[in-house]
PDB file of N, CA and C in Angstrom:
ATOM      1  N   UNK A   1      -8.595  -1.356 -15.947  1.00  0.00           N
ATOM      2  CA  UNK A   1      -9.318  -1.536 -14.714  1.00  0.00           C
ATOM      3  C   UNK A   1      -9.164  -0.263 -13.876  1.00  0.00           C
ATOM      4  N   UNK A   2     -10.227   0.141 -13.229  1.00  0.00           N
ATOM      5  CA  UNK A   2     -10.198   1.292 -12.340  1.00  0.00           C
ATOM      6  C   UNK A   2     -10.185   0.803 -10.902  1.00  0.00           C
ATOM      7  N   UNK A   3      -9.427   1.503 -10.075  1.00  0.00           N
ATOM      8  CA  UNK A   3      -9.371   1.200  -8.649  1.00  0.00           C
ATOM      9  C   UNK A   3      -9.694   2.455  -7.862  1.00  0.00           C
ATOM     10  N   UNK A   4     -10.402   2.296  -6.777  1.00  0.00           N
ATOM     11  CA  UNK A   4     -10.562   3.360  -5.796  1.00  0.00           C
ATOM     12  C   UNK A   4      -9.682   3.005  -4.624  1.00  0.00           C
ATOM     13  N   UNK A   5      -8.748   3.882  -4.292  1.00  0.00           N
ATOM     14  CA  UNK A   5      -7.806   3.597  -3.212  1.00  0.00           C
ATOM     15  C   UNK A   5      -7.894   4.713  -2.187  1.00  0.00           C
ATOM     16  N   UNK A   6      -8.120   4.342  -0.952  1.00  0.00           N
ATOM     17  CA  UNK A   6      -8.165   5.290   0.154  1.00  0.00           C
ATOM     18  C   UNK A   6      -6.773   5.331   0.788  1.00  0.00           C
ATOM     19  N   UNK A   7      -6.284   6.537   1.054  1.00  0.00           N
ATOM     20  CA  UNK A   7      -4.954   6.723   1.638  1.00  0.00           C
ATOM     21  C   UNK A   7      -5.097   7.512   2.930  1.00  0.00           C
ATOM     22  N   UNK A   8      -4.453   7.037   3.970  1.00  0.00           N
ATOM     23  CA  UNK A   8      -4.445   7.747   5.249  1.00  0.00           C
ATOM     24  C   UNK A   8      -2.997   7.843   5.721  1.00  0.00           C
ATOM     25  N   UNK A   9      -2.530   9.086   5.973  1.00  0.00           N
ATOM     26  CA  UNK A   9      -1.157   9.255   6.437  1.00  0.00           C
ATOM     27  C   UNK A   9      -1.117  10.031   7.748  1.00  0.00           C
ATOM     28  N   UNK A  10      -0.057   9.795   8.487  1.00  0.00           N
ATOM     29  CA  UNK A  10       0.219  10.524   9.724  1.00  0.00           C
ATOM     30  C   UNK A  10       1.176  11.654   9.353  1.00  0.00           C
ATOM     31  N   UNK A  11       0.667  12.868   9.244  1.00  0.00           N
ATOM     32  CA  UNK A  11       1.479  13.995   8.771  1.00  0.00           C
ATOM     33  C   UNK A  11       2.597  14.361   9.740  1.00  0.00           C
ATOM     34  N   UNK A  12       2.510  13.908  10.984  1.00  0.00           N
ATOM     35  CA  UNK A  12       3.587  14.210  11.934  1.00  0.00           C
ATOM     36  C   UNK A  12       4.856  13.421  11.618  1.00  0.00           C
ATOM     37  N   UNK A  13       4.734  12.366  10.800  1.00  0.00           N
ATOM     38  CA  UNK A  13       5.899  11.559  10.434  1.00  0.00           C
ATOM     39  C   UNK A  13       6.616  12.075   9.192  1.00  0.00           C
ATOM     40  N   UNK A  14       6.061  13.093   8.537  1.00  0.00           N
ATOM     41  CA  UNK A  14       6.684  13.636   7.322  1.00  0.00           C
ATOM     42  C   UNK A  14       7.995  14.322   7.668  1.00  0.00           C
ATOM     43  N   UNK A  15       9.038  13.976   6.943  1.00  0.00           N
ATOM     44  CA  UNK A  15      10.327  14.649   7.064  1.00  0.00           C
ATOM     45  C   UNK A  15      10.193  15.962   6.302  1.00  0.00           C
ATOM     46  N   UNK A  16      10.031  17.062   7.038  1.00  0.00           N
ATOM     47  CA  UNK A  16       9.756  18.369   6.429  1.00  0.00           C
ATOM     48  C   UNK A  16      10.861  18.821   5.482  1.00  0.00           C
ATOM     49  N   UNK A  17      12.082  18.303   5.660  1.00  0.00           N
ATOM     50  CA  UNK A  17      13.183  18.694   4.773  1.00  0.00           C
ATOM     51  C   UNK A  17      12.991  18.143   3.362  1.00  0.00           C
ATOM     52  N   UNK A  18      12.065  17.193   3.192  1.00  0.00           N
ATOM     53  CA  UNK A  18      11.794  16.622   1.876  1.00  0.00           C
ATOM     54  C   UNK A  18      10.715  17.396   1.115  1.00  0.00           C
ATOM     55  N   UNK A  19      10.087  18.364   1.744  1.00  0.00           N
ATOM     56  CA  UNK A  19       9.119  19.223   1.052  1.00  0.00           C
ATOM     57  C   UNK A  19       9.882  20.144   0.114  1.00  0.00           C
ATOM     58  N   UNK A  20       9.335  20.380  -1.065  1.00  0.00           N
ATOM     59  CA  UNK A  20      10.001  21.293  -2.000  1.00  0.00           C
ATOM     60  C   UNK A  20       8.975  22.185  -2.677  1.00  0.00           C
ATOM     61  N   UNK A  21       9.440  23.366  -3.056  1.00  0.00           N
ATOM     62  CA  UNK A  21       8.580  24.359  -3.689  1.00  0.00           C
ATOM     63  C   UNK A  21       8.532  24.113  -5.190  1.00  0.00           C
ATOM     64  N   UNK A  22       7.329  23.964  -5.719  1.00  0.00           N
ATOM     65  CA  UNK A  22       7.121  23.817  -7.150  1.00  0.00           C
ATOM     66  C   UNK A  22       6.472  25.065  -7.704  1.00  0.00           C
ATOM     67  N   UNK A  23       6.129  25.029  -8.973  1.00  0.00           N
ATOM     68  CA  UNK A  23       5.541  26.194  -9.641  1.00  0.00           C
ATOM     69  C   UNK A  23       4.174  26.555  -9.072  1.00  0.00           C
ATOM     70  N   UNK A  24       3.423  25.547  -8.589  1.00  0.00           N
ATOM     71  CA  UNK A  24       2.054  25.811  -8.134  1.00  0.00           C
ATOM     72  C   UNK A  24       1.820  25.464  -6.666  1.00  0.00           C
ATOM     73  N   UNK A  25       2.875  25.194  -5.916  1.00  0.00           N
ATOM     74  CA  UNK A  25       2.672  24.876  -4.504  1.00  0.00           C
ATOM     75  C   UNK A  25       3.864  24.159  -3.907  1.00  0.00           C
ATOM     76  N   UNK A  26       3.665  23.664  -2.699  1.00  0.00           N
ATOM     77  CA  UNK A  26       4.688  22.905  -1.986  1.00  0.00           C
ATOM     78  C   UNK A  26       4.356  21.434  -2.130  1.00  0.00           C
ATOM     79  N   UNK A  27       5.360  20.616  -2.473  1.00  0.00           N
ATOM     80  CA  UNK A  27       5.144  19.214  -2.814  1.00  0.00           C
ATOM     81  C   UNK A  27       5.974  18.282  -1.946  1.00  0.00           C
ATOM     82  N   UNK A  28       5.536  17.038  -1.913  1.00  0.00           N
ATOM     83  CA  UNK A  28       6.241  15.952  -1.246  1.00  0.00           C
ATOM     84  C   UNK A  28       6.084  14.719  -2.117  1.00  0.00           C
ATOM     85  N   UNK A  29       7.185  14.091  -2.500  1.00  0.00           N
ATOM     86  CA  UNK A  29       7.125  12.872  -3.300  1.00  0.00           C
ATOM     87  C   UNK A  29       6.892  11.681  -2.378  1.00  0.00           C
ATOM     88  N   UNK A  30       5.892  10.881  -2.748  1.00  0.00           N
ATOM     89  CA  UNK A  30       5.520   9.710  -1.956  1.00  0.00           C
ATOM     90  C   UNK A  30       5.545   8.469  -2.828  1.00  0.00           C
ATOM     91  N   UNK A  31       5.702   7.324  -2.197  1.00  0.00           N
ATOM     92  CA  UNK A  31       5.663   6.035  -2.881  1.00  0.00           C
ATOM     93  C   UNK A  31       4.610   5.179  -2.195  1.00  0.00           C
ATOM     94  N   UNK A  32       3.776   4.539  -3.003  1.00  0.00           N
ATOM     95  CA  UNK A  32       2.730   3.668  -2.471  1.00  0.00           C
ATOM     96  C   UNK A  32       2.984   2.242  -2.923  1.00  0.00           C
ATOM     97  N   UNK A  33       2.921   1.316  -2.004  1.00  0.00           N
ATOM     98  CA  UNK A  33       3.041  -0.104  -2.288  1.00  0.00           C
ATOM     99  C   UNK A  33       1.671  -0.728  -2.076  1.00  0.00           C
ATOM    100  N   UNK A  34       1.148  -1.397  -3.108  1.00  0.00           N
ATOM    101  CA  UNK A  34      -0.185  -1.975  -3.043  1.00  0.00           C
ATOM    102  C   UNK A  34      -0.095  -3.469  -3.333  1.00  0.00           C
ATOM    103  N   UNK A  35      -0.795  -4.259  -2.535  1.00  0.00           N
ATOM    104  CA  UNK A  35      -0.836  -5.704  -2.692  1.00  0.00           C
ATOM    105  C   UNK A  35      -2.284  -6.135  -2.838  1.00  0.00           C
ATOM    106  N   UNK A  36      -2.500  -7.281  -3.465  1.00  0.00           N
ATOM    107  CA  UNK A  36      -3.864  -7.799  -3.549  1.00  0.00           C
ATOM    108  C   UNK A  36      -4.221  -8.631  -2.313  1.00  0.00           C
ATOM    109  N   UNK A  37      -3.283  -8.756  -1.389  1.00  0.00           N
ATOM    110  CA  UNK A  37      -3.542  -9.464  -0.135  1.00  0.00           C
ATOM    111  C   UNK A  37      -3.668  -8.451   0.993  1.00  0.00           C
ATOM    112  N   UNK A  38      -4.595  -8.701   1.892  1.00  0.00           N
ATOM    113  CA  UNK A  38      -4.811  -7.812   3.019  1.00  0.00           C
ATOM    114  C   UNK A  38      -3.857  -8.143   4.160  1.00  0.00           C
ATOM    115  N   UNK A  39      -3.437  -7.092   4.890  1.00  0.00           N
ATOM    116  CA  UNK A  39      -2.631  -7.328   6.083  1.00  0.00           C
ATOM    117  C   UNK A  39      -3.551  -7.572   7.273  1.00  0.00           C
ATOM    118  N   UNK A  40      -2.987  -7.656   8.468  1.00  0.00           N
ATOM    119  CA  UNK A  40      -3.786  -7.970   9.657  1.00  0.00           C
ATOM    120  C   UNK A  40      -4.814  -6.902   9.992  1.00  0.00           C
ATOM    121  N   UNK A  41      -4.633  -5.686   9.433  1.00  0.00           N
ATOM    122  CA  UNK A  41      -5.585  -4.594   9.684  1.00  0.00           C
ATOM    123  C   UNK A  41      -6.497  -4.350   8.479  1.00  0.00           C
ATOM    124  N   UNK A  42      -6.501  -5.284   7.539  1.00  0.00           N
ATOM    125  CA  UNK A  42      -7.305  -5.233   6.315  1.00  0.00           C
ATOM    126  C   UNK A  42      -6.914  -4.086   5.392  1.00  0.00           C
ATOM    127  N   UNK A  43      -5.626  -3.724   5.395  1.00  0.00           N
ATOM    128  CA  UNK A  43      -5.085  -2.745   4.466  1.00  0.00           C
ATOM    129  C   UNK A  43      -4.436  -3.479   3.305  1.00  0.00           C
ATOM    130  N   UNK A  44      -4.393  -2.828   2.148  1.00  0.00           N
ATOM    131  CA  UNK A  44      -3.786  -3.415   0.962  1.00  0.00           C
ATOM    132  C   UNK A  44      -2.343  -2.979   0.757  1.00  0.00           C
ATOM    133  N   UNK A  45      -1.845  -2.090   1.574  1.00  0.00           N
ATOM    134  CA  UNK A  45      -0.473  -1.636   1.395  1.00  0.00           C
ATOM    135  C   UNK A  45      -0.157  -0.458   2.285  1.00  0.00           C
ATOM    136  N   UNK A  46       0.932   0.223   1.933  1.00  0.00           N
ATOM    137  CA  UNK A  46       1.366   1.356   2.747  1.00  0.00           C
ATOM    138  C   UNK A  46       1.942   2.450   1.857  1.00  0.00           C
ATOM    139  N   UNK A  47       2.184   3.600   2.476  1.00  0.00           N
ATOM    140  CA  UNK A  47       2.728   4.756   1.772  1.00  0.00           C
ATOM    141  C   UNK A  47       3.918   5.287   2.563  1.00  0.00           C
ATOM    142  N   UNK A  48       4.970   5.664   1.833  1.00  0.00           N
ATOM    143  CA  UNK A  48       6.158   6.221   2.468  1.00  0.00           C
ATOM    144  C   UNK A  48       6.700   7.346   1.604  1.00  0.00           C
ATOM    145  N   UNK A  49       7.646   8.093   2.148  1.00  0.00           N
ATOM    146  CA  UNK A  49       8.286   9.150   1.377  1.00  0.00           C
ATOM    147  C   UNK A  49       9.208   8.520   0.342  1.00  0.00           C
ATOM    148  N   UNK A  50       9.251   9.102  -0.827  1.00  0.00           N
ATOM    149  CA  UNK A  50      10.093   8.566  -1.903  1.00  0.00           C
ATOM    150  C   UNK A  50      11.563   8.748  -1.572  1.00  0.00           C
ATOM    151  N   UNK A  51      12.374   7.852  -2.107  1.00  0.00           N
ATOM    152  CA  UNK A  51      13.822   7.896  -1.914  1.00  0.00           C
ATOM    153  C   UNK A  51      14.513   8.470  -3.138  1.00  0.00           C
ATOM    154  N   UNK A  52      15.661   9.079  -2.925  1.00  0.00           N
ATOM    155  CA  UNK A  52      16.504   9.496  -4.043  1.00  0.00           C
ATOM    156  C   UNK A  52      17.229   8.258  -4.567  1.00  0.00           C
ATOM    157  N   UNK A  53      17.850   8.372  -5.723  1.00  0.00           N
ATOM    158  CA  UNK A  53      18.608   7.249  -6.282  1.00  0.00           C
ATOM    159  C   UNK A  53      19.724   6.820  -5.331  1.00  0.00           C
ATOM    160  N   UNK A  54      20.375   7.783  -4.717  1.00  0.00           N
ATOM    161  CA  UNK A  54      21.471   7.473  -3.782  1.00  0.00           C
ATOM    162  C   UNK A  54      20.941   6.733  -2.555  1.00  0.00           C
ATOM    163  N   UNK A  55      19.781   7.151  -2.069  1.00  0.00           N
ATOM    164  CA  UNK A  55      19.196   6.492  -0.906  1.00  0.00           C
ATOM    165  C   UNK A  55      18.767   5.067  -1.238  1.00  0.00           C
ATOM    166  N   UNK A  56      18.244   4.859  -2.450  1.00  0.00           N
ATOM    167  CA  UNK A  56      17.882   3.497  -2.861  1.00  0.00           C
ATOM    168  C   UNK A  56      19.111   2.614  -2.932  1.00  0.00           C
ATOM    169  N   UNK A  57      20.198   3.130  -3.493  1.00  0.00           N
ATOM    170  CA  UNK A  57      21.444   2.351  -3.579  1.00  0.00           C
ATOM    171  C   UNK A  57      21.971   2.004  -2.196  1.00  0.00           C
ATOM    172  N   UNK A  58      21.831   2.933  -1.243  1.00  0.00           N
ATOM    173  CA  UNK A  58      22.295   2.702   0.125  1.00  0.00           C
ATOM    174  C   UNK A  58      21.288   1.898   0.946  1.00  0.00           C
ATOM    175  N   UNK A  59      20.171   1.525   0.316  1.00  0.00           N
ATOM    176  CA  UNK A  59      19.107   0.764   0.977  1.00  0.00           C
ATOM    177  C   UNK A  59      18.563   1.476   2.215  1.00  0.00           C
ATOM    178  N   UNK A  60      18.432   2.802   2.093  1.00  0.00           N
ATOM    179  CA  UNK A  60      17.854   3.620   3.156  1.00  0.00           C
ATOM    180  C   UNK A  60      16.360   3.350   3.238  1.00  0.00           C
ATOM    181  N   UNK A  61      15.827   3.379   4.428  1.00  0.00           N
ATOM    182  CA  UNK A  61      14.384   3.208   4.606  1.00  0.00           C
ATOM    183  C   UNK A  61      13.804   4.493   5.171  1.00  0.00           C
ATOM    184  N   UNK A  62      12.696   4.920   4.595  1.00  0.00           N
ATOM    185  CA  UNK A  62      11.980   6.060   5.145  1.00  0.00           C
ATOM    186  C   UNK A  62      10.820   5.510   5.970  1.00  0.00           C
ATOM    187  N   UNK A  63      10.328   6.298   6.921  1.00  0.00           N
ATOM    188  CA  UNK A  63       9.238   5.783   7.754  1.00  0.00           C
ATOM    189  C   UNK A  63       7.959   5.570   6.953  1.00  0.00           C
ATOM    190  N   UNK A  64       7.179   4.610   7.378  1.00  0.00           N
ATOM    191  CA  UNK A  64       5.858   4.397   6.780  1.00  0.00           C
ATOM    192  C   UNK A  64       4.960   5.507   7.310  1.00  0.00           C
ATOM    193  N   UNK A  65       4.379   6.268   6.389  1.00  0.00           N
ATOM    194  CA  UNK A  65       3.533   7.393   6.767  1.00  0.00           C
ATOM    195  C   UNK A  65       2.091   6.979   6.995  1.00  0.00           C
ATOM    196  N   UNK A  66       1.670   5.895   6.366  1.00  0.00           N
ATOM    197  CA  UNK A  66       0.284   5.481   6.523  1.00  0.00           C
ATOM    198  C   UNK A  66      -0.029   4.257   5.698  1.00  0.00           C
ATOM    199  N   UNK A  67      -1.326   4.017   5.540  1.00  0.00           N
ATOM    200  CA  UNK A  67      -1.808   2.809   4.884  1.00  0.00           C
ATOM    201  C   UNK A  67      -2.696   3.134   3.704  1.00  0.00           C
ATOM    202  N   UNK A  68      -2.833   2.153   2.813  1.00  0.00           N
ATOM    203  CA  UNK A  68      -3.736   2.285   1.671  1.00  0.00           C
ATOM    204  C   UNK A  68      -4.711   1.117   1.692  1.00  0.00           C
ATOM    205  N   UNK A  69      -5.918   1.403   1.230  1.00  0.00           N
ATOM    206  CA  UNK A  69      -6.956   0.381   1.199  1.00  0.00           C
ATOM    207  C   UNK A  69      -7.719   0.523  -0.111  1.00  0.00           C
ATOM    208  N   UNK A  70      -7.848  -0.577  -0.851  1.00  0.00           N
ATOM    209  CA  UNK A  70      -8.652  -0.574  -2.068  1.00  0.00           C
ATOM    210  C   UNK A  70     -10.112  -0.676  -1.643  1.00  0.00           C
ATOM    211  N   UNK A  71     -10.910   0.313  -2.027  1.00  0.00           N
ATOM    212  CA  UNK A  71     -12.318   0.273  -1.664  1.00  0.00           C
ATOM    213  C   UNK A  71     -13.236   0.103  -2.863  1.00  0.00           C
ATOM    214  N   UNK A  72     -12.662   0.176  -4.087  1.00  0.00           N
ATOM    215  CA  UNK A  72     -13.486   0.015  -5.295  1.00  0.00           C
ATOM    216  C   UNK A  72     -12.625  -0.534  -6.412  1.00  0.00           C
ATOM    217  N   UNK A  73     -13.178  -1.450  -7.168  1.00  0.00           N
ATOM    218  CA  UNK A  73     -12.560  -1.916  -8.395  1.00  0.00           C
ATOM    219  C   UNK A  73     -13.672  -2.291  -9.366  1.00  0.00           C
ATOM    220  N   UNK A  74     -13.475  -1.949 -10.640  1.00  0.00           N
ATOM    221  CA  UNK A  74     -14.489  -2.311 -11.628  1.00  0.00           C
ATOM    222  C   UNK A  74     -14.128  -3.596 -12.353  1.00  0.00           C
ATOM    223  N   UNK A  75     -13.084  -4.265 -11.903  1.00  0.00           N
ATOM    224  CA  UNK A  75     -12.670  -5.526 -12.496  1.00  0.00           C
ATOM    225  C   UNK A  75     -12.570  -6.600 -11.434  1.00  0.00           C
ATOM    226  N   UNK A  76     -12.157  -7.797 -11.838  1.00  0.00           N
ATOM    227  CA  UNK A  76     -12.041  -8.882 -10.867  1.00  0.00           C
ATOM    228  C   UNK A  76     -10.928  -8.600  -9.867  1.00  0.00           C
ATOM    229  N   UNK A  77     -11.214  -8.887  -8.625  1.00  0.00           N
ATOM    230  CA  UNK A  77     -10.222  -8.717  -7.575  1.00  0.00           C
ATOM    231  C   UNK A  77     -10.320  -9.922  -6.661  1.00  0.00           C
ATOM    232  N   UNK A  78      -9.187 -10.495  -6.329  1.00  0.00           N
ATOM    233  CA  UNK A  78      -9.185 -11.644  -5.429  1.00  0.00           C
ATOM    234  C   UNK A  78      -9.702 -11.219  -4.068  1.00  0.00           C
ATOM    235  N   UNK A  79     -10.568 -12.007  -3.510  1.00  0.00           N
ATOM    236  CA  UNK A  79     -11.103 -11.724  -2.180  1.00  0.00           C
ATOM    237  C   UNK A  79     -10.096 -12.215  -1.157  1.00  0.00           C
ATOM    238  N   UNK A  80      -9.105 -11.365  -0.865  1.00  0.00           N
ATOM    239  CA  UNK A  80      -8.020 -11.770   0.017  1.00  0.00           C
ATOM    240  C   UNK A  80      -8.489 -12.007   1.439  1.00  0.00           C
ATOM    241  N   UNK A  81      -9.561 -11.342   1.831  1.00  0.00           N
ATOM    242  CA  UNK A  81     -10.013 -11.509   3.207  1.00  0.00           C
ATOM    243  C   UNK A  81     -10.958 -12.694   3.377  1.00  0.00           C
ATOM    244  N   UNK A  82     -11.454 -13.237   2.280  1.00  0.00           N
ATOM    245  CA  UNK A  82     -12.379 -14.369   2.372  1.00  0.00           C
ATOM    246  C   UNK A  82     -11.602 -15.649   2.638  1.00  0.00           C
ATOM    247  N   UNK A  83     -12.081 -16.466   3.556  1.00  0.00           N
ATOM    248  CA  UNK A  83     -11.372 -17.716   3.812  1.00  0.00           C
ATOM    249  C   UNK A  83     -11.443 -18.621   2.589  1.00  0.00           C
ATOM    250  N   UNK A  84     -10.361 -19.305   2.336  1.00  0.00           N
ATOM    251  CA  UNK A  84     -10.289 -20.213   1.200  1.00  0.00           C
ATOM    252  C   UNK A  84     -10.958 -21.535   1.563  1.00  0.00           C
ATOM    253  N   UNK A  85     -11.797 -22.012   0.694  1.00  0.00           N
ATOM    254  CA  UNK A  85     -12.468 -23.289   0.931  1.00  0.00           C
ATOM    255  C   UNK A  85     -11.471 -24.421   0.751  1.00  0.00           C
ATOM    256  N   UNK A  86     -11.464 -25.344   1.668  1.00  0.00           N
ATOM    257  CA  UNK A  86     -10.573 -26.492   1.571  1.00  0.00           C
ATOM    258  C   UNK A  86     -11.108 -27.439   0.507  1.00  0.00           C
ATOM    259  N   UNK A  87     -10.203 -28.048  -0.209  1.00  0.00           N
ATOM    260  CA  UNK A  87     -10.607 -29.021  -1.230  1.00  0.00           C
ATOM    261  C   UNK A  87     -11.192 -30.251  -0.543  1.00  0.00           C
ATOM    262  N   UNK A  88     -12.255 -30.749  -1.082  1.00  0.00           N
ATOM    263  CA  UNK A  88     -12.902 -31.933  -0.508  1.00  0.00           C
ATOM    264  C   UNK A  88     -12.433 -33.152  -1.272  1.00  0.00           C
ATOM    265  N   UNK A  89     -11.882 -34.091  -0.539  1.00  0.00           N
ATOM    266  CA  UNK A  89     -11.407 -35.317  -1.140  1.00  0.00           C
ATOM    267  C   UNK A  89     -12.476 -36.372  -0.964  1.00  0.00           C
ATOM    268  N   UNK A  90     -13.160 -36.741  -2.052  1.00  0.00           N
ATOM    269  CA  UNK A  90     -14.258 -37.701  -1.997  1.00  0.00           C
ATOM    270  C   UNK A  90     -13.779 -39.133  -1.745  1.00  0.00           C
ATOM    271  N   UNK A  91     -12.455 -39.376  -1.846  1.00  0.00           N
ATOM    272  CA  UNK A  91     -11.936 -40.726  -1.683  1.00  0.00           C
ATOM    273  C   UNK A  91     -11.448 -40.992  -0.259  1.00  0.00           C
ATOM    274  N   UNK A  92     -11.874 -40.225   0.709  1.00  0.00           N
ATOM    275  CA  UNK A  92     -11.450 -40.440   2.094  1.00  0.00           C
ATOM    276  C   UNK A  92     -12.062 -41.766   2.567  1.00  0.00           C
ATOM    277  N   UNK A  93     -11.237 -42.689   3.114  1.00  0.00           N
ATOM    278  CA  UNK A  93     -11.721 -44.031   3.458  1.00  0.00           C
ATOM    279  C   UNK A  93     -12.560 -44.102   4.723  1.00  0.00           C
ATOM    280  N   UNK A  94     -12.948 -43.067   5.361  1.00  0.00           N
ATOM    281  CA  UNK A  94     -13.771 -43.188   6.568  1.00  0.00           C
ATOM    282  C   UNK A  94     -15.024 -42.375   6.490  1.00  0.00           C
TER     283      UNK A  94
END
């Protein structure tokens, strides 16, 4: 299945000390969490700076840099924003 995911981050929240020089440029490791349920702002998840193994063990939290939104899928996707139809009980006595 293919997904189109839009990512928006607030670059002012980036911890500049986590930037590192690679062979072809300056990089920042990020982690994206994606859910099939929408939040109150109709986003599917968020993005944050990646943690080191030591930081994960210490349960360190990095700031949320931004949000992710699925805007395309070529497969079935639950319509998380659509209201769920209530089951109709035909045996209601009134």
